[in-house]
Amino acid sequence: MDQMCVRMLRELQELEFALVELNLYLDTHPCDTQAIKTFNELAVRYEQARKAYEDKYGPLVNFGHSGPVKSHVWQWIDEPWPWEIEY
């Protein structure tokens, strides 16, 4: 796994963590417009980062968000499993 792949994956993890935390915060503070704005901005950044990662390295998950298979090869098995990644 090259360093760019690791950096992109790390950015996705950081964005996802922030989105989950904001989601939990908004569960108890649903009228906080600044938190909603930040959540929406991070959600857009996450989708952009996810698309960039998947365009370069293949799907992050084997179903759902990645859409249809984009080639004649099942790419899900091409990258190391999460527990095999060295950070």
PDB file of N, CA and C in Angstrom:
ATOM      1  N   MET A   1       0.856  -1.170   0.000  1.00  0.00           N
ATOM      2  CA  MET A   1       0.000   0.000   0.000  1.00  0.00           C
ATOM      3  C   MET A   1       0.901   1.231   0.000  1.00  0.00           C
ATOM      4  N   ASP A   2       0.761   2.065  -1.036  1.00  0.00           N
ATOM      5  CA  ASP A   2       1.638   3.234  -1.138  1.00  0.00           C
ATOM      6  C   ASP A   2       1.222   4.339  -0.160  1.00  0.00           C
ATOM      7  N   GLN A   3       2.124   5.293   0.033  1.00  0.00           N
ATOM      8  CA  GLN A   3       1.908   6.353   1.029  1.00  0.00           C
ATOM      9  C   GLN A   3       0.712   7.243   0.705  1.00  0.00           C
ATOM     10  N   MET A   4       0.452   7.503  -0.573  1.00  0.00           N
ATOM     11  CA  MET A   4      -0.707   8.310  -0.953  1.00  0.00           C
ATOM     12  C   MET A   4      -1.996   7.597  -0.556  1.00  0.00           C
ATOM     13  N   CYS A   5      -2.035   6.300  -0.765  1.00  0.00           N
ATOM     14  CA  CYS A   5      -3.208   5.517  -0.383  1.00  0.00           C
ATOM     15  C   CYS A   5      -3.436   5.606   1.122  1.00  0.00           C
ATOM     16  N   VAL A   6      -2.370   5.465   1.885  1.00  0.00           N
ATOM     17  CA  VAL A   6      -2.473   5.544   3.346  1.00  0.00           C
ATOM     18  C   VAL A   6      -2.951   6.930   3.773  1.00  0.00           C
ATOM     19  N   ARG A   7      -2.417   7.988   3.152  1.00  0.00           N
ATOM     20  CA  ARG A   7      -2.838   9.361   3.490  1.00  0.00           C
ATOM     21  C   ARG A   7      -4.316   9.582   3.182  1.00  0.00           C
ATOM     22  N   MET A   8      -4.737   9.103   2.012  1.00  0.00           N
ATOM     23  CA  MET A   8      -6.140   9.282   1.626  1.00  0.00           C
ATOM     24  C   MET A   8      -7.065   8.503   2.561  1.00  0.00           C
ATOM     25  N   LEU A   9      -6.666   7.293   2.913  1.00  0.00           N
ATOM     26  CA  LEU A   9      -7.464   6.482   3.824  1.00  0.00           C
ATOM     27  C   LEU A   9      -7.536   7.127   5.201  1.00  0.00           C
ATOM     28  N   ARG A  10      -6.421   7.678   5.652  1.00  0.00           N
ATOM     29  CA  ARG A  10      -6.385   8.358   6.953  1.00  0.00           C
ATOM     30  C   ARG A  10      -7.320   9.575   6.957  1.00  0.00           C
ATOM     31  N   GLU A  11      -7.311  10.344   5.856  1.00  0.00           N
ATOM     32  CA  GLU A  11      -8.206  11.497   5.757  1.00  0.00           C
ATOM     33  C   GLU A  11      -9.669  11.051   5.830  1.00  0.00           C
ATOM     34  N   LEU A  12      -9.993   9.969   5.151  1.00  0.00           N
ATOM     35  CA  LEU A  12     -11.363   9.446   5.206  1.00  0.00           C
ATOM     36  C   LEU A  12     -11.742   9.048   6.629  1.00  0.00           C
ATOM     37  N   GLN A  13     -10.824   8.403   7.324  1.00  0.00           N
ATOM     38  CA  GLN A  13     -11.091   8.003   8.708  1.00  0.00           C
ATOM     39  C   GLN A  13     -11.306   9.219   9.600  1.00  0.00           C
ATOM     40  N   GLU A  14     -10.507  10.248   9.418  1.00  0.00           N
ATOM     41  CA  GLU A  14     -10.651  11.468  10.220  1.00  0.00           C
ATOM     42  C   GLU A  14     -11.982  12.156   9.946  1.00  0.00           C
ATOM     43  N   LEU A  15     -12.345  12.257   8.676  1.00  0.00           N
ATOM     44  CA  LEU A  15     -13.624  12.883   8.327  1.00  0.00           C
ATOM     45  C   LEU A  15     -14.797  12.069   8.864  1.00  0.00           C
ATOM     46  N   GLU A  16     -14.711  10.755   8.732  1.00  0.00           N
ATOM     47  CA  GLU A  16     -15.785   9.900   9.223  1.00  0.00           C
ATOM     48  C   GLU A  16     -15.933  10.027  10.737  1.00  0.00           C
ATOM     49  N   PHE A  17     -14.816  10.074  11.456  1.00  0.00           N
ATOM     50  CA  PHE A  17     -14.857  10.244  12.905  1.00  0.00           C
ATOM     51  C   PHE A  17     -15.558  11.551  13.267  1.00  0.00           C
ATOM     52  N   ALA A  18     -15.165  12.641  12.596  1.00  0.00           N
ATOM     53  CA  ALA A  18     -15.775  13.945  12.878  1.00  0.00           C
ATOM     54  C   ALA A  18     -17.268  13.927  12.572  1.00  0.00           C
ATOM     55  N   LEU A  19     -17.664  13.272  11.487  1.00  0.00           N
ATOM     56  CA  LEU A  19     -19.085  13.199  11.136  1.00  0.00           C
ATOM     57  C   LEU A  19     -19.885  12.410  12.167  1.00  0.00           C
ATOM     58  N   VAL A  20     -19.323  11.318  12.652  1.00  0.00           N
ATOM     59  CA  VAL A  20     -20.022  10.532  13.683  1.00  0.00           C
ATOM     60  C   VAL A  20     -20.166  11.353  14.960  1.00  0.00           C
ATOM     61  N   GLU A  21     -19.094  12.039  15.355  1.00  0.00           N
ATOM     62  CA  GLU A  21     -19.161  12.862  16.565  1.00  0.00           C
ATOM     63  C   GLU A  21     -20.181  13.994  16.422  1.00  0.00           C
ATOM     64  N   LEU A  22     -20.184  14.649  15.280  1.00  0.00           N
ATOM     65  CA  LEU A  22     -21.169  15.713  15.052  1.00  0.00           C
ATOM     66  C   LEU A  22     -22.584  15.154  15.011  1.00  0.00           C
ATOM     67  N   ASN A  23     -22.741  13.975  14.445  1.00  0.00           N
ATOM     68  CA  ASN A  23     -24.044  13.331  14.422  1.00  0.00           C
ATOM     69  C   ASN A  23     -24.557  13.099  15.846  1.00  0.00           C
ATOM     70  N   LEU A  24     -23.694  12.607  16.705  1.00  0.00           N
ATOM     71  CA  LEU A  24     -24.084  12.381  18.100  1.00  0.00           C
ATOM     72  C   LEU A  24     -24.413  13.703  18.792  1.00  0.00           C
ATOM     73  N   TYR A  25     -23.605  14.725  18.549  1.00  0.00           N
ATOM     74  CA  TYR A  25     -23.857  16.040  19.129  1.00  0.00           C
ATOM     75  C   TYR A  25     -25.204  16.580  18.667  1.00  0.00           C
ATOM     76  N   LEU A  26     -25.479  16.459  17.372  1.00  0.00           N
ATOM     77  CA  LEU A  26     -26.734  16.988  16.829  1.00  0.00           C
ATOM     78  C   LEU A  26     -27.955  16.213  17.320  1.00  0.00           C
ATOM     79  N   ASP A  27     -27.755  14.982  17.762  1.00  0.00           N
ATOM     80  CA  ASP A  27     -28.865  14.240  18.369  1.00  0.00           C
ATOM     81  C   ASP A  27     -29.374  14.940  19.622  1.00  0.00           C
ATOM     82  N   THR A  28     -28.471  15.618  20.321  1.00  0.00           N
ATOM     83  CA  THR A  28     -28.865  16.301  21.559  1.00  0.00           C
ATOM     84  C   THR A  28     -28.946  17.819  21.412  1.00  0.00           C
ATOM     85  N   HIS A  29     -28.468  18.343  20.294  1.00  0.00           N
ATOM     86  CA  HIS A  29     -28.498  19.786  20.025  1.00  0.00           C
ATOM     87  C   HIS A  29     -28.991  20.028  18.595  1.00  0.00           C
ATOM     88  N   PRO A  30     -30.210  19.629  18.281  1.00  0.00           N
ATOM     89  CA  PRO A  30     -30.696  19.656  16.898  1.00  0.00           C
ATOM     90  C   PRO A  30     -30.860  21.048  16.293  1.00  0.00           C
ATOM     91  N   CYS A  31     -30.834  22.084  17.097  1.00  0.00           N
ATOM     92  CA  CYS A  31     -31.025  23.446  16.576  1.00  0.00           C
ATOM     93  C   CYS A  31     -29.721  24.224  16.441  1.00  0.00           C
ATOM     94  N   ASP A  32     -28.591  23.580  16.663  1.00  0.00           N
ATOM     95  CA  ASP A  32     -27.292  24.248  16.571  1.00  0.00           C
ATOM     96  C   ASP A  32     -26.926  24.411  15.094  1.00  0.00           C
ATOM     97  N   THR A  33     -27.207  25.585  14.559  1.00  0.00           N
ATOM     98  CA  THR A  33     -27.012  25.815  13.126  1.00  0.00           C
ATOM     99  C   THR A  33     -25.541  25.767  12.709  1.00  0.00           C
ATOM    100  N   GLN A  34     -24.639  26.175  13.591  1.00  0.00           N
ATOM    101  CA  GLN A  34     -23.209  26.099  13.262  1.00  0.00           C
ATOM    102  C   GLN A  34     -22.772  24.641  13.143  1.00  0.00           C
ATOM    103  N   ALA A  35     -23.247  23.786  14.041  1.00  0.00           N
ATOM    104  CA  ALA A  35     -22.907  22.362  13.974  1.00  0.00           C
ATOM    105  C   ALA A  35     -23.485  21.728  12.709  1.00  0.00           C
ATOM    106  N   ILE A  36     -24.696  22.121  12.339  1.00  0.00           N
ATOM    107  CA  ILE A  36     -25.306  21.603  11.109  1.00  0.00           C
ATOM    108  C   ILE A  36     -24.489  22.040   9.898  1.00  0.00           C
ATOM    109  N   LYS A  37     -24.070  23.295   9.895  1.00  0.00           N
ATOM    110  CA  LYS A  37     -23.249  23.814   8.791  1.00  0.00           C
ATOM    111  C   LYS A  37     -21.933  23.039   8.694  1.00  0.00           C
ATOM    112  N   THR A  38     -21.286  22.833   9.831  1.00  0.00           N
ATOM    113  CA  THR A  38     -20.029  22.088   9.852  1.00  0.00           C
ATOM    114  C   THR A  38     -20.245  20.650   9.394  1.00  0.00           C
ATOM    115  N   PHE A  39     -21.326  20.023   9.864  1.00  0.00           N
ATOM    116  CA  PHE A  39     -21.644  18.658   9.455  1.00  0.00           C
ATOM    117  C   PHE A  39     -21.792  18.578   7.936  1.00  0.00           C
ATOM    118  N   ASN A  40     -22.546  19.502   7.367  1.00  0.00           N
ATOM    119  CA  ASN A  40     -22.771  19.498   5.919  1.00  0.00           C
ATOM    120  C   ASN A  40     -21.473  19.711   5.143  1.00  0.00           C
ATOM    121  N   GLU A  41     -20.626  20.612   5.620  1.00  0.00           N
ATOM    122  CA  GLU A  41     -19.338  20.852   4.962  1.00  0.00           C
ATOM    123  C   GLU A  41     -18.462  19.601   5.005  1.00  0.00           C
ATOM    124  N   LEU A  42     -18.414  18.953   6.162  1.00  0.00           N
ATOM    125  CA  LEU A  42     -17.608  17.740   6.287  1.00  0.00           C
ATOM    126  C   LEU A  42     -18.183  16.595   5.464  1.00  0.00           C
ATOM    127  N   ALA A  43     -19.507  16.528   5.376  1.00  0.00           N
ATOM    128  CA  ALA A  43     -20.143  15.478   4.573  1.00  0.00           C
ATOM    129  C   ALA A  43     -19.773  15.628   3.101  1.00  0.00           C
ATOM    130  N   VAL A  44     -19.728  16.859   2.618  1.00  0.00           N
ATOM    131  CA  VAL A  44     -19.324  17.107   1.228  1.00  0.00           C
ATOM    132  C   VAL A  44     -17.858  16.716   1.044  1.00  0.00           C
ATOM    133  N   ARG A  45     -17.005  17.128   1.968  1.00  0.00           N
ATOM    134  CA  ARG A  45     -15.580  16.770   1.891  1.00  0.00           C
ATOM    135  C   ARG A  45     -15.387  15.262   1.929  1.00  0.00           C
ATOM    136  N   TYR A  46     -16.175  14.579   2.784  1.00  0.00           N
ATOM    137  CA  TYR A  46     -16.073  13.122   2.877  1.00  0.00           C
ATOM    138  C   TYR A  46     -16.436  12.470   1.546  1.00  0.00           C
ATOM    139  N   GLU A  47     -17.532  12.902   0.943  1.00  0.00           N
ATOM    140  CA  GLU A  47     -17.953  12.317  -0.334  1.00  0.00           C
ATOM    141  C   GLU A  47     -16.916  12.566  -1.420  1.00  0.00           C
ATOM    142  N   GLN A  48     -16.321  13.746  -1.443  1.00  0.00           N
ATOM    143  CA  GLN A  48     -15.273  14.045  -2.422  1.00  0.00           C
ATOM    144  C   GLN A  48     -14.048  13.157  -2.188  1.00  0.00           C
ATOM    145  N   ALA A  49     -13.659  13.012  -0.930  1.00  0.00           N
ATOM    146  CA  ALA A  49     -12.502  12.185  -0.591  1.00  0.00           C
ATOM    147  C   ALA A  49     -12.780  10.716  -0.890  1.00  0.00           C
ATOM    148  N   ARG A  50     -13.985  10.255  -0.595  1.00  0.00           N
ATOM    149  CA  ARG A  50     -14.357   8.864  -0.874  1.00  0.00           C
ATOM    150  C   ARG A  50     -14.300   8.590  -2.373  1.00  0.00           C
ATOM    151  N   LYS A  51     -14.874   9.487  -3.148  1.00  0.00           N
ATOM    152  CA  LYS A  51     -14.875   9.302  -4.603  1.00  0.00           C
ATOM    153  C   LYS A  51     -13.451   9.303  -5.151  1.00  0.00           C
ATOM    154  N   ALA A  52     -12.618  10.231  -4.679  1.00  0.00           N
ATOM    155  CA  ALA A  52     -11.225  10.292  -5.136  1.00  0.00           C
ATOM    156  C   ALA A  52     -10.484   9.001  -4.786  1.00  0.00           C
ATOM    157  N   TYR A  53     -10.698   8.499  -3.565  1.00  0.00           N
ATOM    158  CA  TYR A  53     -10.043   7.261  -3.148  1.00  0.00           C
ATOM    159  C   TYR A  53     -10.503   6.096  -4.012  1.00  0.00           C
ATOM    160  N   GLU A  54     -11.816   5.967  -4.188  1.00  0.00           N
ATOM    161  CA  GLU A  54     -12.348   4.836  -4.944  1.00  0.00           C
ATOM    162  C   GLU A  54     -11.971   4.909  -6.420  1.00  0.00           C
ATOM    163  N   ASP A  55     -11.879   6.096  -6.977  1.00  0.00           N
ATOM    164  CA  ASP A  55     -11.450   6.230  -8.371  1.00  0.00           C
ATOM    165  C   ASP A  55     -10.015   5.749  -8.556  1.00  0.00           C
ATOM    166  N   LYS A  56      -9.195   5.972  -7.542  1.00  0.00           N
ATOM    167  CA  LYS A  56      -7.775   5.615  -7.646  1.00  0.00           C
ATOM    168  C   LYS A  56      -7.476   4.199  -7.154  1.00  0.00           C
ATOM    169  N   TYR A  57      -8.143   3.766  -6.070  1.00  0.00           N
ATOM    170  CA  TYR A  57      -7.764   2.508  -5.423  1.00  0.00           C
ATOM    171  C   TYR A  57      -8.854   1.441  -5.391  1.00  0.00           C
ATOM    172  N   GLY A  58     -10.053   1.762  -5.817  1.00  0.00           N
ATOM    173  CA  GLY A  58     -11.130   0.779  -5.796  1.00  0.00           C
ATOM    174  C   GLY A  58     -12.065   1.002  -4.618  1.00  0.00           C
ATOM    175  N   PRO A  59     -13.069   0.149  -4.487  1.00  0.00           N
ATOM    176  CA  PRO A  59     -14.134   0.362  -3.502  1.00  0.00           C
ATOM    177  C   PRO A  59     -13.662   0.260  -2.053  1.00  0.00           C
ATOM    178  N   LEU A  60     -14.286   1.072  -1.203  1.00  0.00           N
ATOM    179  CA  LEU A  60     -14.025   1.020   0.237  1.00  0.00           C
ATOM    180  C   LEU A  60     -14.877  -0.036   0.920  1.00  0.00           C
ATOM    181  N   VAL A  61     -16.052  -0.280   0.392  1.00  0.00           N
ATOM    182  CA  VAL A  61     -16.944  -1.316   0.918  1.00  0.00           C
ATOM    183  C   VAL A  61     -17.396  -2.182  -0.251  1.00  0.00           C
ATOM    184  N   ASN A  62     -17.810  -3.404   0.058  1.00  0.00           N
ATOM    185  CA  ASN A  62     -18.167  -4.319  -1.018  1.00  0.00           C
ATOM    186  C   ASN A  62     -19.619  -4.196  -1.469  1.00  0.00           C
ATOM    187  N   PHE A  63     -20.368  -3.264  -0.911  1.00  0.00           N
ATOM    188  CA  PHE A  63     -21.757  -3.055  -1.327  1.00  0.00           C
ATOM    189  C   PHE A  63     -22.189  -1.664  -0.901  1.00  0.00           C
ATOM    190  N   GLY A  64     -23.265  -1.191  -1.488  1.00  0.00           N
ATOM    191  CA  GLY A  64     -23.867   0.050  -1.013  1.00  0.00           C
ATOM    192  C   GLY A  64     -23.323   1.301  -1.643  1.00  0.00           C
ATOM    193  N   HIS A  65     -22.541   2.057  -0.899  1.00  0.00           N
ATOM    194  CA  HIS A  65     -22.151   3.415  -1.286  1.00  0.00           C
ATOM    195  C   HIS A  65     -21.265   3.505  -2.518  1.00  0.00           C
ATOM    196  N   SER A  66     -20.555   2.477  -2.843  1.00  0.00           N
ATOM    197  CA  SER A  66     -19.621   2.544  -3.961  1.00  0.00           C
ATOM    198  C   SER A  66     -20.301   2.435  -5.317  1.00  0.00           C
ATOM    199  N   GLY A  67     -21.552   2.078  -5.350  1.00  0.00           N
ATOM    200  CA  GLY A  67     -22.273   1.975  -6.611  1.00  0.00           C
ATOM    201  C   GLY A  67     -21.966   0.677  -7.327  1.00  0.00           C
ATOM    202  N   PRO A  68     -22.338   0.606  -8.593  1.00  0.00           N
ATOM    203  CA  PRO A  68     -22.127  -0.625  -9.347  1.00  0.00           C
ATOM    204  C   PRO A  68     -20.645  -0.891  -9.607  1.00  0.00           C
ATOM    205  N   VAL A  69     -20.324  -2.139  -9.881  1.00  0.00           N
ATOM    206  CA  VAL A  69     -18.954  -2.528 -10.201  1.00  0.00           C
ATOM    207  C   VAL A  69     -18.547  -1.819 -11.485  1.00  0.00           C
ATOM    208  N   LYS A  70     -17.400  -1.138 -11.459  1.00  0.00           N
ATOM    209  CA  LYS A  70     -16.989  -0.293 -12.581  1.00  0.00           C
ATOM    210  C   LYS A  70     -16.086  -1.003 -13.582  1.00  0.00           C
ATOM    211  N   SER A  71     -15.809  -2.253 -13.361  1.00  0.00           N
ATOM    212  CA  SER A  71     -14.976  -2.992 -14.304  1.00  0.00           C
ATOM    213  C   SER A  71     -15.449  -4.438 -14.342  1.00  0.00           C
ATOM    214  N   HIS A  72     -14.801  -5.238 -15.136  1.00  0.00           N
ATOM    215  CA  HIS A  72     -15.156  -6.651 -15.219  1.00  0.00           C
ATOM    216  C   HIS A  72     -14.439  -7.477 -14.151  1.00  0.00           C
ATOM    217  N   VAL A  73     -13.709  -6.814 -13.273  1.00  0.00           N
ATOM    218  CA  VAL A  73     -12.949  -7.487 -12.220  1.00  0.00           C
ATOM    219  C   VAL A  73     -13.511  -7.090 -10.860  1.00  0.00           C
ATOM    220  N   TRP A  74     -13.650  -8.067  -9.962  1.00  0.00           N
ATOM    221  CA  TRP A  74     -14.119  -7.814  -8.598  1.00  0.00           C
ATOM    222  C   TRP A  74     -12.968  -7.211  -7.806  1.00  0.00           C
ATOM    223  N   GLN A  75     -12.972  -5.877  -7.621  1.00  0.00           N
ATOM    224  CA  GLN A  75     -11.844  -5.156  -7.035  1.00  0.00           C
ATOM    225  C   GLN A  75     -11.783  -5.216  -5.514  1.00  0.00           C
ATOM    226  N   TRP A  76     -12.829  -5.651  -4.880  1.00  0.00           N
ATOM    227  CA  TRP A  76     -12.894  -5.618  -3.421  1.00  0.00           C
ATOM    228  C   TRP A  76     -11.711  -6.328  -2.778  1.00  0.00           C
ATOM    229  N   ILE A  77     -11.182  -7.355  -3.429  1.00  0.00           N
ATOM    230  CA  ILE A  77     -10.113  -8.152  -2.825  1.00  0.00           C
ATOM    231  C   ILE A  77      -8.715  -7.661  -3.189  1.00  0.00           C
ATOM    232  N   ASP A  78      -8.599  -6.570  -3.926  1.00  0.00           N
ATOM    233  CA  ASP A  78      -7.296  -6.098  -4.400  1.00  0.00           C
ATOM    234  C   ASP A  78      -6.442  -5.419  -3.335  1.00  0.00           C
ATOM    235  N   GLU A  79      -7.037  -4.777  -2.379  1.00  0.00           N
ATOM    236  CA  GLU A  79      -6.290  -4.031  -1.366  1.00  0.00           C
ATOM    237  C   GLU A  79      -6.187  -4.844  -0.075  1.00  0.00           C
ATOM    238  N   PRO A  80      -5.248  -4.479   0.793  1.00  0.00           N
ATOM    239  CA  PRO A  80      -5.148  -5.176   2.081  1.00  0.00           C
ATOM    240  C   PRO A  80      -6.425  -5.006   2.904  1.00  0.00           C
ATOM    241  N   TRP A  81      -6.707  -5.982   3.722  1.00  0.00           N
ATOM    242  CA  TRP A  81      -7.834  -5.894   4.641  1.00  0.00           C
ATOM    243  C   TRP A  81      -7.500  -4.850   5.707  1.00  0.00           C
ATOM    244  N   PRO A  82      -8.492  -4.271   6.359  1.00  0.00           N
ATOM    245  CA  PRO A  82      -8.218  -3.202   7.338  1.00  0.00           C
ATOM    246  C   PRO A  82      -7.179  -3.573   8.396  1.00  0.00           C
ATOM    247  N   TRP A  83      -7.153  -4.801   8.836  1.00  0.00           N
ATOM    248  CA  TRP A  83      -6.210  -5.206   9.878  1.00  0.00           C
ATOM    249  C   TRP A  83      -4.806  -5.461   9.305  1.00  0.00           C
ATOM    250  N   GLU A  84      -4.657  -5.419   7.987  1.00  0.00           N
ATOM    251  CA  GLU A  84      -3.356  -5.619   7.363  1.00  0.00           C
ATOM    252  C   GLU A  84      -2.648  -4.303   7.029  1.00  0.00           C
ATOM    253  N   ILE A  85      -3.332  -3.179   7.187  1.00  0.00           N
ATOM    254  CA  ILE A  85      -2.760  -1.887   6.828  1.00  0.00           C
ATOM    255  C   ILE A  85      -1.749  -1.456   7.885  1.00  0.00           C
ATOM    256  N   GLU A  86      -0.575  -1.049   7.426  1.00  0.00           N
ATOM    257  CA  GLU A  86       0.446  -0.537   8.337  1.00  0.00           C
ATOM    258  C   GLU A  86       0.459   0.980   8.258  1.00  0.00           C
ATOM    259  N   TYR A  87       0.162   1.639   9.373  1.00  0.00           N
ATOM    260  CA  TYR A  87       0.115   3.103   9.410  1.00  0.00           C
ATOM    261  C   TYR A  87       1.429   3.661   9.872  1.00  0.00           C
TER     262      TYR A  87
END
